[in-house]
Amino acid sequence: MSIIATDIKTRVLSMLWDKSGGYLNAGLAVSGIEVA
């Protein structure tokens, strides 16, 4: 499951990076997912 979780995080980071180009925004999104 860790591999799947890592894949999801990578996809989310890639999507946010492409859309906003903001590293902080991507970091906050990942933090929110981990907390949730």
PDB file of N, CA and C in Angstrom:
ATOM      1  N   MET A   1       0.837  -1.205   0.000  1.00  0.00           N
ATOM      2  CA  MET A   1       0.000   0.000   0.000  1.00  0.00           C
ATOM      3  C   MET A   1       0.872   1.257   0.000  1.00  0.00           C
ATOM      4  N   SER A   2       2.051   1.149   0.589  1.00  0.00           N
ATOM      5  CA  SER A   2       2.933   2.317   0.629  1.00  0.00           C
ATOM      6  C   SER A   2       3.318   2.752  -0.779  1.00  0.00           C
ATOM      7  N   ILE A   3       3.481   1.772  -1.666  1.00  0.00           N
ATOM      8  CA  ILE A   3       3.830   2.101  -3.048  1.00  0.00           C
ATOM      9  C   ILE A   3       2.686   2.864  -3.709  1.00  0.00           C
ATOM     10  N   ILE A   4       1.457   2.418  -3.469  1.00  0.00           N
ATOM     11  CA  ILE A   4       0.288   3.095  -4.046  1.00  0.00           C
ATOM     12  C   ILE A   4       0.177   4.508  -3.482  1.00  0.00           C
ATOM     13  N   ALA A   5       0.373   4.635  -2.178  1.00  0.00           N
ATOM     14  CA  ALA A   5       0.283   5.951  -1.538  1.00  0.00           C
ATOM     15  C   ALA A   5       1.332   6.890  -2.116  1.00  0.00           C
ATOM     16  N   THR A   6       2.548   6.378  -2.318  1.00  0.00           N
ATOM     17  CA  THR A   6       3.615   7.194  -2.894  1.00  0.00           C
ATOM     18  C   THR A   6       3.250   7.614  -4.302  1.00  0.00           C
ATOM     19  N   ASP A   7       2.657   6.706  -5.070  1.00  0.00           N
ATOM     20  CA  ASP A   7       2.262   7.017  -6.442  1.00  0.00           C
ATOM     21  C   ASP A   7       1.211   8.113  -6.457  1.00  0.00           C
ATOM     22  N   ILE A   8       0.254   8.030  -5.548  1.00  0.00           N
ATOM     23  CA  ILE A   8      -0.800   9.050  -5.459  1.00  0.00           C
ATOM     24  C   ILE A   8      -0.188  10.401  -5.101  1.00  0.00           C
ATOM     25  N   LYS A   9       0.703  10.412  -4.127  1.00  0.00           N
ATOM     26  CA  LYS A   9       1.349  11.663  -3.725  1.00  0.00           C
ATOM     27  C   LYS A   9       2.114  12.257  -4.898  1.00  0.00           C
ATOM     28  N   THR A  10       2.832  11.403  -5.633  1.00  0.00           N
ATOM     29  CA  THR A  10       3.608  11.884  -6.772  1.00  0.00           C
ATOM     30  C   THR A  10       2.700  12.500  -7.815  1.00  0.00           C
ATOM     31  N   ARG A  11       1.568  11.859  -8.083  1.00  0.00           N
ATOM     32  CA  ARG A  11       0.624  12.391  -9.074  1.00  0.00           C
ATOM     33  C   ARG A  11       0.043  13.715  -8.612  1.00  0.00           C
ATOM     34  N   VAL A  12      -0.324  13.798  -7.329  1.00  0.00           N
ATOM     35  CA  VAL A  12      -0.884  15.042  -6.790  1.00  0.00           C
ATOM     36  C   VAL A  12       0.145  16.160  -6.868  1.00  0.00           C
ATOM     37  N   LEU A  13       1.372  15.853  -6.470  1.00  0.00           N
ATOM     38  CA  LEU A  13       2.433  16.860  -6.523  1.00  0.00           C
ATOM     39  C   LEU A  13       2.651  17.328  -7.951  1.00  0.00           C
ATOM     40  N   SER A  14       2.661  16.389  -8.891  1.00  0.00           N
ATOM     41  CA  SER A  14       2.865  16.741 -10.294  1.00  0.00           C
ATOM     42  C   SER A  14       1.739  17.634 -10.796  1.00  0.00           C
ATOM     43  N   MET A  15       0.503  17.290 -10.441  1.00  0.00           N
ATOM     44  CA  MET A  15      -0.655  18.077 -10.868  1.00  0.00           C
ATOM     45  C   MET A  15      -0.570  19.492 -10.312  1.00  0.00           C
ATOM     46  N   LEU A  16      -0.295  19.608  -9.008  1.00  0.00           N
ATOM     47  CA  LEU A  16      -0.229  20.927  -8.380  1.00  0.00           C
ATOM     48  C   LEU A  16       0.945  21.722  -8.941  1.00  0.00           C
ATOM     49  N   TRP A  17       2.056  21.044  -9.209  1.00  0.00           N
ATOM     50  CA  TRP A  17       3.234  21.727  -9.744  1.00  0.00           C
ATOM     51  C   TRP A  17       2.906  22.297 -11.120  1.00  0.00           C
ATOM     52  N   ASP A  18       2.213  21.521 -11.941  1.00  0.00           N
ATOM     53  CA  ASP A  18       1.853  21.968 -13.288  1.00  0.00           C
ATOM     54  C   ASP A  18       0.855  23.114 -13.229  1.00  0.00           C
ATOM     55  N   LYS A  19      -0.090  23.038 -12.309  1.00  0.00           N
ATOM     56  CA  LYS A  19      -1.162  24.040 -12.261  1.00  0.00           C
ATOM     57  C   LYS A  19      -0.687  25.343 -11.631  1.00  0.00           C
ATOM     58  N   SER A  20      -0.009  25.264 -10.502  1.00  0.00           N
ATOM     59  CA  SER A  20       0.347  26.477  -9.762  1.00  0.00           C
ATOM     60  C   SER A  20       1.832  26.812  -9.886  1.00  0.00           C
ATOM     61  N   GLY A  21       2.649  25.787 -10.118  1.00  0.00           N
ATOM     62  CA  GLY A  21       4.087  26.020 -10.164  1.00  0.00           C
ATOM     63  C   GLY A  21       4.636  26.394  -8.802  1.00  0.00           C
ATOM     64  N   GLY A  22       3.837  26.174  -7.738  1.00  0.00           N
ATOM     65  CA  GLY A  22       4.261  26.577  -6.402  1.00  0.00           C
ATOM     66  C   GLY A  22       4.630  25.378  -5.542  1.00  0.00           C
ATOM     67  N   TYR A  23       5.877  25.331  -5.119  1.00  0.00           N
ATOM     68  CA  TYR A  23       6.324  24.218  -4.283  1.00  0.00           C
ATOM     69  C   TYR A  23       5.605  24.227  -2.938  1.00  0.00           C
ATOM     70  N   LEU A  24       5.400  25.417  -2.365  1.00  0.00           N
ATOM     71  CA  LEU A  24       4.727  25.507  -1.065  1.00  0.00           C
ATOM     72  C   LEU A  24       3.291  25.011  -1.170  1.00  0.00           C
ATOM     73  N   ASN A  25       2.610  25.356  -2.250  1.00  0.00           N
ATOM     74  CA  ASN A  25       1.227  24.916  -2.438  1.00  0.00           C
ATOM     75  C   ASN A  25       1.166  23.391  -2.483  1.00  0.00           C
ATOM     76  N   ALA A  26       2.094  22.783  -3.192  1.00  0.00           N
ATOM     77  CA  ALA A  26       2.133  21.328  -3.297  1.00  0.00           C
ATOM     78  C   ALA A  26       2.405  20.711  -1.927  1.00  0.00           C
ATOM     79  N   GLY A  27       3.326  21.312  -1.180  1.00  0.00           N
ATOM     80  CA  GLY A  27       3.657  20.805   0.143  1.00  0.00           C
ATOM     81  C   GLY A  27       2.466  20.865   1.083  1.00  0.00           C
ATOM     82  N   LEU A  28       1.728  21.967   1.033  1.00  0.00           N
ATOM     83  CA  LEU A  28       0.552  22.119   1.887  1.00  0.00           C
ATOM     84  C   LEU A  28      -0.507  21.098   1.509  1.00  0.00           C
ATOM     85  N   ALA A  29      -0.673  20.847   0.231  1.00  0.00           N
ATOM     86  CA  ALA A  29      -1.673  19.886  -0.228  1.00  0.00           C
ATOM     87  C   ALA A  29      -1.328  18.490   0.286  1.00  0.00           C
ATOM     88  N   VAL A  30      -0.051  18.113   0.192  1.00  0.00           N
ATOM     89  CA  VAL A  30       0.370  16.796   0.666  1.00  0.00           C
ATOM     90  C   VAL A  30       0.160  16.696   2.177  1.00  0.00           C
ATOM     91  N   SER A  31       0.484  17.765   2.893  1.00  0.00           N
ATOM     92  CA  SER A  31       0.299  17.769   4.342  1.00  0.00           C
ATOM     93  C   SER A  31      -1.172  17.578   4.684  1.00  0.00           C
ATOM     94  N   GLY A  32      -2.059  18.246   3.936  1.00  0.00           N
ATOM     95  CA  GLY A  32      -3.488  18.119   4.170  1.00  0.00           C
ATOM     96  C   GLY A  32      -3.961  16.702   3.920  1.00  0.00           C
ATOM     97  N   ILE A  33      -3.431  16.069   2.875  1.00  0.00           N
ATOM     98  CA  ILE A  33      -3.827  14.698   2.559  1.00  0.00           C
ATOM     99  C   ILE A  33      -3.358  13.761   3.677  1.00  0.00           C
ATOM    100  N   GLU A  34      -2.131  13.962   4.146  1.00  0.00           N
ATOM    101  CA  GLU A  34      -1.598  13.096   5.192  1.00  0.00           C
ATOM    102  C   GLU A  34      -2.389  13.255   6.486  1.00  0.00           C
ATOM    103  N   VAL A  35      -2.758  14.487   6.817  1.00  0.00           N
ATOM    104  CA  VAL A  35      -3.530  14.734   8.032  1.00  0.00           C
ATOM    105  C   VAL A  35      -4.926  14.131   7.898  1.00  0.00           C
ATOM    106  N   ALA A  36      -5.523  14.310   6.716  1.00  0.00           N
ATOM    107  CA  ALA A  36      -6.860  13.784   6.475  1.00  0.00           C
ATOM    108  C   ALA A  36      -6.758  12.281   6.252  1.00  0.00           C
TER     109      ALA A  36
END
